[in-house]
Amino acid sequence: MPNILFFNKPFQVLSQFNDDQGRETLAAYIDMPKFYAAGRLDYDSEGLMVLTNDGQLQQQIANPKHKLEKTYWVQVEGRVDEHQLKCLRAGPVLKDGPTKPAKVRLLGAETKNLWPRVPPIRERVSIPTQWLEIRISEGRNRQVRRMTAAINLPTLRLVRVAIGNWKLKGLNVGEWRLEQTEGPQHK
């Protein structure tokens, strides 16, 4: 039976085990031989990563054609209006074409339990911020950041909280847990 490792990736950690530029990598947190990331999370994004010791399962989790939904909590600069929400839900047009429709909702108190980011985001007294939950099944490069930028809401912080039915809940930043699984929809 394959093993799956769930990891809460900190800000500015690469989603790989080595780097020729000396940046911090998964190796600083995970000492499990033969585990490989099933997909990636940008250097400046945080949250849930799934790693496995099974190559076939790794491909199934990472491949966008399997439509495994990913859930992000996104702190944006500015106030979100209904028109912007509709644009995200319809799938904004990016330089590489239109995105698939996203599931989007405004967040409230649920973000209060997030760990503080180190270093903290820039805050401007005169410009408010707001949190959104964005769920997508595509995996384009920096897609969520480009989607919010396309509707004039720059992303300040991006945290992946779920991949399919797997959730970040219970993992502090920099922590991981190991489980046996039968496939990507197992909880």
C-alpha atoms as a PDB file:
ATOM      1  CA  MET A   1       0.000   0.000   0.000  1.00  0.00           C
ATOM      2  CA  PRO A   2       1.434   3.429  -0.880  1.00  0.00           C
ATOM      3  CA  ASN A   3       2.310   5.968   1.762  1.00  0.00           C
ATOM      4  CA  ILE A   4       1.350   9.611   1.585  1.00  0.00           C
ATOM      5  CA  LEU A   5       3.050  12.402   3.440  1.00  0.00           C
ATOM      6  CA  PHE A   6       1.126  15.628   4.116  1.00  0.00           C
ATOM      7  CA  PHE A   7       3.314  18.688   4.655  1.00  0.00           C
ATOM      8  CA  ASN A   8       2.477  22.278   5.626  1.00  0.00           C
ATOM      9  CA  LYS A   9       5.003  24.149   3.486  1.00  0.00           C
ATOM     10  CA  PRO A  10       6.257  27.432   4.930  1.00  0.00           C
ATOM     11  CA  PHE A  11       6.639  30.646   2.920  1.00  0.00           C
ATOM     12  CA  GLN A  12       9.815  30.781   0.795  1.00  0.00           C
ATOM     13  CA  VAL A  13      10.566  27.064   0.776  1.00  0.00           C
ATOM     14  CA  LEU A  14      11.043  25.323  -2.582  1.00  0.00           C
ATOM     15  CA  SER A  15       8.758  22.375  -3.425  1.00  0.00           C
ATOM     16  CA  GLN A  16      11.772  20.162  -4.134  1.00  0.00           C
ATOM     17  CA  PHE A  17      14.575  18.543  -2.143  1.00  0.00           C
ATOM     18  CA  ASN A  18      17.593  20.379  -3.559  1.00  0.00           C
ATOM     19  CA  ASP A  19      18.468  23.741  -5.042  1.00  0.00           C
ATOM     20  CA  ASP A  20      21.662  24.953  -6.693  1.00  0.00           C
ATOM     21  CA  GLN A  21      20.960  28.532  -5.540  1.00  0.00           C
ATOM     22  CA  GLY A  22      21.037  27.725  -1.816  1.00  0.00           C
ATOM     23  CA  ARG A  23      17.357  28.404  -1.123  1.00  0.00           C
ATOM     24  CA  GLU A  24      15.559  26.468   1.590  1.00  0.00           C
ATOM     25  CA  THR A  25      13.980  23.226   0.319  1.00  0.00           C
ATOM     26  CA  LEU A  26      11.798  20.372   1.550  1.00  0.00           C
ATOM     27  CA  ALA A  27      14.992  18.669   2.762  1.00  0.00           C
ATOM     28  CA  ALA A  28      15.143  21.115   5.686  1.00  0.00           C
ATOM     29  CA  TYR A  29      11.858  19.631   6.984  1.00  0.00           C
ATOM     30  CA  ILE A  30      11.421  16.101   5.602  1.00  0.00           C
ATOM     31  CA  ASP A  31      13.931  13.265   5.956  1.00  0.00           C
ATOM     32  CA  MET A  32      12.018  10.461   4.232  1.00  0.00           C
ATOM     33  CA  PRO A  33      13.918   8.742   1.407  1.00  0.00           C
ATOM     34  CA  LYS A  34      12.104   7.973  -1.847  1.00  0.00           C
ATOM     35  CA  PHE A  35       9.241  10.410  -1.251  1.00  0.00           C
ATOM     36  CA  TYR A  36       8.466  12.818  -4.065  1.00  0.00           C
ATOM     37  CA  ALA A  37       6.177  15.820  -4.326  1.00  0.00           C
ATOM     38  CA  ALA A  38       2.894  15.165  -6.115  1.00  0.00           C
ATOM     39  CA  GLY A  39       2.670  18.612  -7.676  1.00  0.00           C
ATOM     40  CA  ARG A  40       4.254  21.787  -6.510  1.00  0.00           C
ATOM     41  CA  LEU A  41       3.478  24.899  -4.548  1.00  0.00           C
ATOM     42  CA  ASP A  42       5.181  28.161  -5.461  1.00  0.00           C
ATOM     43  CA  TYR A  43       8.149  29.376  -3.429  1.00  0.00           C
ATOM     44  CA  ASP A  44       6.131  32.336  -2.117  1.00  0.00           C
ATOM     45  CA  SER A  45       2.992  30.295  -1.365  1.00  0.00           C
ATOM     46  CA  GLU A  46       2.269  28.301   1.777  1.00  0.00           C
ATOM     47  CA  GLY A  47       0.250  25.325   2.863  1.00  0.00           C
ATOM     48  CA  LEU A  48      -0.605  21.770   1.948  1.00  0.00           C
ATOM     49  CA  MET A  49       1.717  19.657  -0.139  1.00  0.00           C
ATOM     50  CA  VAL A  50       1.255  15.951  -0.768  1.00  0.00           C
ATOM     51  CA  LEU A  51       4.280  13.699  -1.210  1.00  0.00           C
ATOM     52  CA  THR A  52       4.247   9.965  -1.900  1.00  0.00           C
ATOM     53  CA  ASN A  53       6.561   7.001  -2.371  1.00  0.00           C
ATOM     54  CA  ASP A  54       4.390   5.652  -5.238  1.00  0.00           C
ATOM     55  CA  GLY A  55       5.157   7.030  -8.726  1.00  0.00           C
ATOM     56  CA  GLN A  56       1.787   6.112 -10.221  1.00  0.00           C
ATOM     57  CA  LEU A  57      -0.083   7.767  -7.362  1.00  0.00           C
ATOM     58  CA  GLN A  58       2.199  10.806  -7.656  1.00  0.00           C
ATOM     59  CA  GLN A  59       1.188  11.231 -11.314  1.00  0.00           C
ATOM     60  CA  GLN A  60      -2.494  10.731 -10.543  1.00  0.00           C
ATOM     61  CA  ILE A  61      -2.484  13.413  -7.844  1.00  0.00           C
ATOM     62  CA  ALA A  62      -0.416  15.942  -9.822  1.00  0.00           C
ATOM     63  CA  ASN A  63      -2.015  15.545 -13.261  1.00  0.00           C
ATOM     64  CA  PRO A  64      -4.697  18.227 -13.895  1.00  0.00           C
ATOM     65  CA  LYS A  65      -6.616  15.883 -16.201  1.00  0.00           C
ATOM     66  CA  HIS A  66      -7.704  13.970 -13.073  1.00  0.00           C
ATOM     67  CA  LYS A  67      -9.408  17.206 -11.917  1.00  0.00           C
ATOM     68  CA  LEU A  68      -8.369  16.914  -8.291  1.00  0.00           C
ATOM     69  CA  GLU A  69      -9.686  20.177  -6.864  1.00  0.00           C
ATOM     70  CA  LYS A  70      -7.284  22.398  -4.950  1.00  0.00           C
ATOM     71  CA  THR A  71      -8.542  24.896  -2.363  1.00  0.00           C
ATOM     72  CA  TYR A  72      -6.678  28.118  -1.622  1.00  0.00           C
ATOM     73  CA  TRP A  73      -7.196  30.873   0.911  1.00  0.00           C
ATOM     74  CA  VAL A  74      -6.045  34.068  -0.744  1.00  0.00           C
ATOM     75  CA  GLN A  75      -5.481  37.420   0.926  1.00  0.00           C
ATOM     76  CA  VAL A  76      -5.893  40.161  -1.660  1.00  0.00           C
ATOM     77  CA  GLU A  77      -5.173  43.851  -1.585  1.00  0.00           C
ATOM     78  CA  GLY A  78      -8.367  45.895  -1.900  1.00  0.00           C
ATOM     79  CA  ARG A  79     -12.082  45.367  -1.345  1.00  0.00           C
ATOM     80  CA  VAL A  80     -13.706  42.624  -3.392  1.00  0.00           C
ATOM     81  CA  ASP A  81     -16.905  43.530  -5.222  1.00  0.00           C
ATOM     82  CA  GLU A  82     -19.588  41.326  -6.778  1.00  0.00           C
ATOM     83  CA  HIS A  83     -18.350  41.984 -10.327  1.00  0.00           C
ATOM     84  CA  GLN A  84     -14.874  40.690  -9.419  1.00  0.00           C
ATOM     85  CA  LEU A  85     -16.372  37.571  -7.822  1.00  0.00           C
ATOM     86  CA  LYS A  86     -18.414  36.924 -10.976  1.00  0.00           C
ATOM     87  CA  CYS A  87     -15.278  37.262 -13.123  1.00  0.00           C
ATOM     88  CA  LEU A  88     -13.434  34.682 -11.008  1.00  0.00           C
ATOM     89  CA  ARG A  89     -16.420  32.339 -11.055  1.00  0.00           C
ATOM     90  CA  ALA A  90     -16.682  32.629 -14.850  1.00  0.00           C
ATOM     91  CA  GLY A  91     -12.955  32.042 -15.372  1.00  0.00           C
ATOM     92  CA  PRO A  92     -10.924  35.158 -16.151  1.00  0.00           C
ATOM     93  CA  VAL A  93      -8.924  35.393 -19.364  1.00  0.00           C
ATOM     94  CA  LEU A  94      -5.168  35.253 -18.780  1.00  0.00           C
ATOM     95  CA  LYS A  95      -2.319  35.701 -21.276  1.00  0.00           C
ATOM     96  CA  ASP A  96      -2.355  31.934 -21.903  1.00  0.00           C
ATOM     97  CA  GLY A  97      -6.143  31.850 -22.406  1.00  0.00           C
ATOM     98  CA  PRO A  98      -9.274  31.664 -20.282  1.00  0.00           C
ATOM     99  CA  THR A  99      -9.228  29.683 -17.068  1.00  0.00           C
ATOM    100  CA  LYS A 100     -11.896  27.207 -16.156  1.00  0.00           C
ATOM    101  CA  PRO A 101     -14.560  28.600 -13.825  1.00  0.00           C
ATOM    102  CA  ALA A 102     -13.505  28.756 -10.181  1.00  0.00           C
ATOM    103  CA  LYS A 103     -15.549  28.232  -7.048  1.00  0.00           C
ATOM    104  CA  VAL A 104     -15.127  31.400  -4.997  1.00  0.00           C
ATOM    105  CA  ARG A 105     -16.419  32.702  -1.685  1.00  0.00           C
ATOM    106  CA  LEU A 106     -15.501  35.457   0.730  1.00  0.00           C
ATOM    107  CA  LEU A 107     -13.875  34.281   3.958  1.00  0.00           C
ATOM    108  CA  GLY A 108     -14.397  35.651   7.422  1.00  0.00           C
ATOM    109  CA  ALA A 109     -13.327  34.384  10.822  1.00  0.00           C
ATOM    110  CA  GLU A 110     -11.881  31.095   9.507  1.00  0.00           C
ATOM    111  CA  THR A 111      -8.601  32.842   8.637  1.00  0.00           C
ATOM    112  CA  LYS A 112      -8.046  33.920  12.261  1.00  0.00           C
ATOM    113  CA  ASN A 113      -6.493  30.498  12.996  1.00  0.00           C
ATOM    114  CA  LEU A 114      -3.808  30.800  10.314  1.00  0.00           C
ATOM    115  CA  TRP A 115      -0.231  30.934  11.545  1.00  0.00           C
ATOM    116  CA  PRO A 116       1.578  34.266  11.121  1.00  0.00           C
ATOM    117  CA  ARG A 117       3.621  34.472   7.951  1.00  0.00           C
ATOM    118  CA  VAL A 118       7.343  35.102   8.367  1.00  0.00           C
ATOM    119  CA  PRO A 119       8.078  37.708   7.165  1.00  0.00           C
ATOM    120  CA  PRO A 120       4.623  39.287   7.457  1.00  0.00           C
ATOM    121  CA  ILE A 121       2.828  40.670   4.400  1.00  0.00           C
ATOM    122  CA  ARG A 122       3.134  44.375   3.689  1.00  0.00           C
ATOM    123  CA  GLU A 123       0.235  46.290   5.141  1.00  0.00           C
ATOM    124  CA  ARG A 124      -0.936  49.708   4.069  1.00  0.00           C
ATOM    125  CA  VAL A 125      -3.170  51.687   6.396  1.00  0.00           C
ATOM    126  CA  SER A 126      -5.104  53.248   3.518  1.00  0.00           C
ATOM    127  CA  ILE A 127      -5.652  50.032   1.525  1.00  0.00           C
ATOM    128  CA  PRO A 128      -7.817  47.276   3.010  1.00  0.00           C
ATOM    129  CA  THR A 129      -7.271  43.558   2.465  1.00  0.00           C
ATOM    130  CA  GLN A 130      -9.764  40.747   2.154  1.00  0.00           C
ATOM    131  CA  TRP A 131      -9.631  36.940   2.140  1.00  0.00           C
ATOM    132  CA  LEU A 132     -11.155  34.707  -0.535  1.00  0.00           C
ATOM    133  CA  GLU A 133     -11.456  30.953  -0.851  1.00  0.00           C
ATOM    134  CA  ILE A 134     -10.710  29.912  -4.442  1.00  0.00           C
ATOM    135  CA  ARG A 135     -11.140  26.306  -5.604  1.00  0.00           C
ATOM    136  CA  ILE A 136      -9.721  25.261  -8.979  1.00  0.00           C
ATOM    137  CA  SER A 137      -8.975  22.004 -10.770  1.00  0.00           C
ATOM    138  CA  GLU A 138      -6.405  23.395 -13.213  1.00  0.00           C
ATOM    139  CA  GLY A 139      -2.725  23.672 -12.422  1.00  0.00           C
ATOM    140  CA  ARG A 140      -1.272  26.506 -14.465  1.00  0.00           C
ATOM    141  CA  ASN A 141       1.863  28.274 -13.303  1.00  0.00           C
ATOM    142  CA  ARG A 142       0.990  30.850 -10.603  1.00  0.00           C
ATOM    143  CA  GLN A 143      -2.643  30.558 -11.697  1.00  0.00           C
ATOM    144  CA  VAL A 144      -4.420  31.878  -8.603  1.00  0.00           C
ATOM    145  CA  ARG A 145      -2.119  34.908  -8.382  1.00  0.00           C
ATOM    146  CA  ARG A 146      -2.667  35.655 -12.074  1.00  0.00           C
ATOM    147  CA  MET A 147      -6.434  35.233 -11.705  1.00  0.00           C
ATOM    148  CA  THR A 148      -6.661  37.766  -8.871  1.00  0.00           C
ATOM    149  CA  ALA A 149      -4.302  40.166 -10.691  1.00  0.00           C
ATOM    150  CA  ALA A 150      -6.557  39.955 -13.785  1.00  0.00           C
ATOM    151  CA  ILE A 151      -9.408  41.446 -11.728  1.00  0.00           C
ATOM    152  CA  ASN A 152      -7.226  44.122 -10.082  1.00  0.00           C
ATOM    153  CA  LEU A 153      -6.837  42.360  -6.733  1.00  0.00           C
ATOM    154  CA  PRO A 154      -3.131  41.633  -6.163  1.00  0.00           C
ATOM    155  CA  THR A 155      -2.461  38.558  -4.021  1.00  0.00           C
ATOM    156  CA  LEU A 156      -0.630  39.321  -0.787  1.00  0.00           C
ATOM    157  CA  ARG A 157      -0.729  35.839   0.746  1.00  0.00           C
ATOM    158  CA  LEU A 158      -1.701  32.467  -0.699  1.00  0.00           C
ATOM    159  CA  VAL A 159      -2.278  29.351   1.430  1.00  0.00           C
ATOM    160  CA  ARG A 160      -3.361  25.995  -0.025  1.00  0.00           C
ATOM    161  CA  VAL A 161      -5.678  24.393   2.528  1.00  0.00           C
ATOM    162  CA  ALA A 162      -6.883  21.299   0.631  1.00  0.00           C
ATOM    163  CA  ILE A 163      -6.154  18.975  -2.282  1.00  0.00           C
ATOM    164  CA  GLY A 164      -9.229  16.891  -3.071  1.00  0.00           C
ATOM    165  CA  ASN A 165     -10.470  15.554   0.273  1.00  0.00           C
ATOM    166  CA  TRP A 166      -7.077  15.926   1.938  1.00  0.00           C
ATOM    167  CA  LYS A 167      -6.999  18.907   4.287  1.00  0.00           C
ATOM    168  CA  LEU A 168      -4.270  20.926   5.957  1.00  0.00           C
ATOM    169  CA  LYS A 169      -6.171  20.920   9.236  1.00  0.00           C
ATOM    170  CA  GLY A 170      -4.096  19.843  12.229  1.00  0.00           C
ATOM    171  CA  LEU A 171      -0.674  20.549  10.704  1.00  0.00           C
ATOM    172  CA  ASN A 172       1.287  23.525  11.957  1.00  0.00           C
ATOM    173  CA  VAL A 173       3.592  25.310   9.541  1.00  0.00           C
ATOM    174  CA  GLY A 174       6.686  23.181   8.817  1.00  0.00           C
ATOM    175  CA  GLU A 175       5.066  19.972  10.171  1.00  0.00           C
ATOM    176  CA  TRP A 176       4.199  16.757   8.323  1.00  0.00           C
ATOM    177  CA  ARG A 177       2.339  13.510   8.930  1.00  0.00           C
ATOM    178  CA  LEU A 178       2.489  10.129   7.217  1.00  0.00           C
ATOM    179  CA  GLU A 179      -0.534   7.988   6.257  1.00  0.00           C
ATOM    180  CA  GLN A 180      -1.248   4.879   4.226  1.00  0.00           C
ATOM    181  CA  THR A 181      -3.795   5.332   1.458  1.00  0.00           C
ATOM    182  CA  GLU A 182      -5.591   3.624  -1.369  1.00  0.00           C
ATOM    183  CA  GLY A 183      -5.803   6.677  -3.655  1.00  0.00           C
ATOM    184  CA  PRO A 184      -6.184  10.417  -3.953  1.00  0.00           C
ATOM    185  CA  GLN A 185      -9.725  10.691  -2.584  1.00  0.00           C
ATOM    186  CA  HIS A 186      -8.919   8.844   0.676  1.00  0.00           C
ATOM    187  CA  LYS A 187      -9.172  11.000   3.791  1.00  0.00           C
END
